[in-house]
Amino acid sequence: MTSLFQIILLVLDVAWFIIIVHIIMSWLISFQVLNLHQPVVAQIWGGVSRVLAPIYDPVRRLLPDTGGLDLAPLIVLLGIYALRIIIANNIYAFA
């Protein structure tokens, strides 16, 4: 059972990393450090956005309209962090 929890934690770590990459890329694109007209940047941005869209969309529907500020990544990161805490605190209850 411990192996299952470790796999879940690994998946949460990968999701955390992908969300951080998405946030940093969005800032770099907004400040025009990265250009979406470059094929590699456009492919990476499109791929990461497609992976995260099913996670962000339900959160965006629940959040109020904040104009240009997207709080969905922050809420998802907090959710992942909370899940990690819950799993880490209860991992030995199932051993």
C-alpha atoms as a PDB file:
ATOM      1  CA  MET A   1       0.000   0.000   0.000  1.00  0.00           C
ATOM      2  CA  THR A   2       2.934   2.320   0.653  1.00  0.00           C
ATOM      3  CA  SER A   3       4.000   1.958  -2.981  1.00  0.00           C
ATOM      4  CA  LEU A   4       0.592   3.173  -4.130  1.00  0.00           C
ATOM      5  CA  PHE A   5       0.886   6.274  -1.965  1.00  0.00           C
ATOM      6  CA  GLN A   6       4.389   6.927  -3.297  1.00  0.00           C
ATOM      7  CA  ILE A   7       3.088   6.685  -6.877  1.00  0.00           C
ATOM      8  CA  ILE A   8       0.292   9.123  -6.052  1.00  0.00           C
ATOM      9  CA  LEU A   9       2.825  11.512  -4.532  1.00  0.00           C
ATOM     10  CA  LEU A  10       4.972  11.197  -7.665  1.00  0.00           C
ATOM     11  CA  VAL A  11       2.003  12.052  -9.885  1.00  0.00           C
ATOM     12  CA  LEU A  12       1.228  15.062  -7.692  1.00  0.00           C
ATOM     13  CA  ASP A  13       4.877  16.191  -7.935  1.00  0.00           C
ATOM     14  CA  VAL A  14       4.785  15.932 -11.740  1.00  0.00           C
ATOM     15  CA  ALA A  15       1.520  17.900 -11.843  1.00  0.00           C
ATOM     16  CA  TRP A  16       3.071  20.535  -9.551  1.00  0.00           C
ATOM     17  CA  PHE A  17       6.076  20.850 -11.891  1.00  0.00           C
ATOM     18  CA  ILE A  18       3.908  21.158 -15.016  1.00  0.00           C
ATOM     19  CA  ILE A  19       1.774  23.860 -13.389  1.00  0.00           C
ATOM     20  CA  ILE A  20       4.878  25.824 -12.342  1.00  0.00           C
ATOM     21  CA  VAL A  21       6.232  25.570 -15.915  1.00  0.00           C
ATOM     22  CA  HIS A  22       2.881  26.814 -17.222  1.00  0.00           C
ATOM     23  CA  ILE A  23       2.881  29.775 -14.827  1.00  0.00           C
ATOM     24  CA  ILE A  24       6.462  30.773 -15.672  1.00  0.00           C
ATOM     25  CA  MET A  25       5.831  30.413 -19.400  1.00  0.00           C
ATOM     26  CA  SER A  26       2.706  32.582 -19.157  1.00  0.00           C
ATOM     27  CA  TRP A  27       4.734  35.322 -17.453  1.00  0.00           C
ATOM     28  CA  LEU A  28       7.510  35.087 -20.033  1.00  0.00           C
ATOM     29  CA  ILE A  29       4.970  35.256 -22.858  1.00  0.00           C
ATOM     30  CA  SER A  30       3.184  38.209 -21.226  1.00  0.00           C
ATOM     31  CA  PHE A  31       6.446  40.138 -20.877  1.00  0.00           C
ATOM     32  CA  GLN A  32       7.383  39.157 -24.456  1.00  0.00           C
ATOM     33  CA  VAL A  33      10.490  37.277 -23.439  1.00  0.00           C
ATOM     34  CA  LEU A  34       9.056  34.248 -25.246  1.00  0.00           C
ATOM     35  CA  ASN A  35       7.261  34.578 -28.564  1.00  0.00           C
ATOM     36  CA  LEU A  36       4.417  32.255 -29.553  1.00  0.00           C
ATOM     37  CA  HIS A  37       5.416  32.691 -33.201  1.00  0.00           C
ATOM     38  CA  GLN A  38       8.418  30.460 -32.525  1.00  0.00           C
ATOM     39  CA  PRO A  39       7.376  26.869 -33.328  1.00  0.00           C
ATOM     40  CA  VAL A  40       9.026  25.212 -30.308  1.00  0.00           C
ATOM     41  CA  VAL A  41       7.557  27.716 -27.845  1.00  0.00           C
ATOM     42  CA  ALA A  42       4.121  27.394 -29.457  1.00  0.00           C
ATOM     43  CA  GLN A  43       4.255  23.582 -29.266  1.00  0.00           C
ATOM     44  CA  ILE A  44       5.340  23.539 -25.627  1.00  0.00           C
ATOM     45  CA  TRP A  45       2.736  26.166 -24.679  1.00  0.00           C
ATOM     46  CA  GLY A  46      -0.023  24.353 -26.566  1.00  0.00           C
ATOM     47  CA  GLY A  47       0.885  20.986 -25.055  1.00  0.00           C
ATOM     48  CA  VAL A  48       1.077  22.242 -21.494  1.00  0.00           C
ATOM     49  CA  SER A  49      -2.165  24.200 -21.917  1.00  0.00           C
ATOM     50  CA  ARG A  50      -3.983  21.137 -23.295  1.00  0.00           C
ATOM     51  CA  VAL A  51      -2.746  18.992 -20.409  1.00  0.00           C
ATOM     52  CA  LEU A  52      -3.845  21.513 -17.784  1.00  0.00           C
ATOM     53  CA  ALA A  53      -7.162  22.599 -19.335  1.00  0.00           C
ATOM     54  CA  PRO A  54      -9.188  19.696 -17.834  1.00  0.00           C
ATOM     55  CA  ILE A  55      -7.792  20.591 -14.409  1.00  0.00           C
ATOM     56  CA  TYR A  56      -8.229  24.366 -14.669  1.00  0.00           C
ATOM     57  CA  ASP A  57     -11.679  24.500 -16.317  1.00  0.00           C
ATOM     58  CA  PRO A  58     -13.749  23.211 -13.362  1.00  0.00           C
ATOM     59  CA  VAL A  59     -11.852  25.513 -11.006  1.00  0.00           C
ATOM     60  CA  ARG A  60     -12.412  28.505 -13.322  1.00  0.00           C
ATOM     61  CA  ARG A  61     -16.155  27.801 -13.366  1.00  0.00           C
ATOM     62  CA  LEU A  62     -16.267  27.967  -9.561  1.00  0.00           C
ATOM     63  CA  LEU A  63     -14.200  31.143  -9.208  1.00  0.00           C
ATOM     64  CA  PRO A  64     -15.695  34.625  -9.666  1.00  0.00           C
ATOM     65  CA  ASP A  65     -14.619  36.719 -12.642  1.00  0.00           C
ATOM     66  CA  THR A  66     -11.410  38.558 -11.714  1.00  0.00           C
ATOM     67  CA  GLY A  67     -10.772  40.233 -15.047  1.00  0.00           C
ATOM     68  CA  GLY A  68      -7.332  39.426 -16.406  1.00  0.00           C
ATOM     69  CA  LEU A  69      -6.152  37.650 -13.261  1.00  0.00           C
ATOM     70  CA  ASP A  70      -6.398  33.861 -13.459  1.00  0.00           C
ATOM     71  CA  LEU A  71      -6.451  32.336  -9.984  1.00  0.00           C
ATOM     72  CA  ALA A  72      -7.078  28.751 -11.155  1.00  0.00           C
ATOM     73  CA  PRO A  73      -3.374  27.746 -11.080  1.00  0.00           C
ATOM     74  CA  LEU A  74      -3.043  29.041  -7.520  1.00  0.00           C
ATOM     75  CA  ILE A  75      -6.117  27.132  -6.361  1.00  0.00           C
ATOM     76  CA  VAL A  76      -4.915  23.938  -8.067  1.00  0.00           C
ATOM     77  CA  LEU A  77      -1.442  24.293  -6.507  1.00  0.00           C
ATOM     78  CA  LEU A  78      -3.021  24.742  -3.079  1.00  0.00           C
ATOM     79  CA  GLY A  79      -5.170  21.660  -3.707  1.00  0.00           C
ATOM     80  CA  ILE A  80      -2.141  19.588  -4.690  1.00  0.00           C
ATOM     81  CA  TYR A  81      -0.274  20.780  -1.601  1.00  0.00           C
ATOM     82  CA  ALA A  82      -3.243  19.895   0.617  1.00  0.00           C
ATOM     83  CA  LEU A  83      -3.459  16.420  -0.941  1.00  0.00           C
ATOM     84  CA  ARG A  84       0.245  15.873  -0.314  1.00  0.00           C
ATOM     85  CA  ILE A  85      -0.207  16.820   3.341  1.00  0.00           C
ATOM     86  CA  ILE A  86      -3.203  14.515   3.736  1.00  0.00           C
ATOM     87  CA  ILE A  87      -1.400  11.588   2.102  1.00  0.00           C
ATOM     88  CA  ALA A  88       1.823  12.160   4.028  1.00  0.00           C
ATOM     89  CA  ASN A  89      -0.011  12.324   7.364  1.00  0.00           C
ATOM     90  CA  ASN A  90      -2.081   9.202   6.705  1.00  0.00           C
ATOM     91  CA  ILE A  91       0.381   6.983   4.823  1.00  0.00           C
ATOM     92  CA  TYR A  92       1.212   4.900   7.881  1.00  0.00           C
ATOM     93  CA  ALA A  93      -2.435   4.305   8.789  1.00  0.00           C
ATOM     94  CA  PHE A  94      -2.708   1.970   5.787  1.00  0.00           C
ATOM     95  CA  ALA A  95       0.598   0.158   6.215  1.00  0.00           C
END
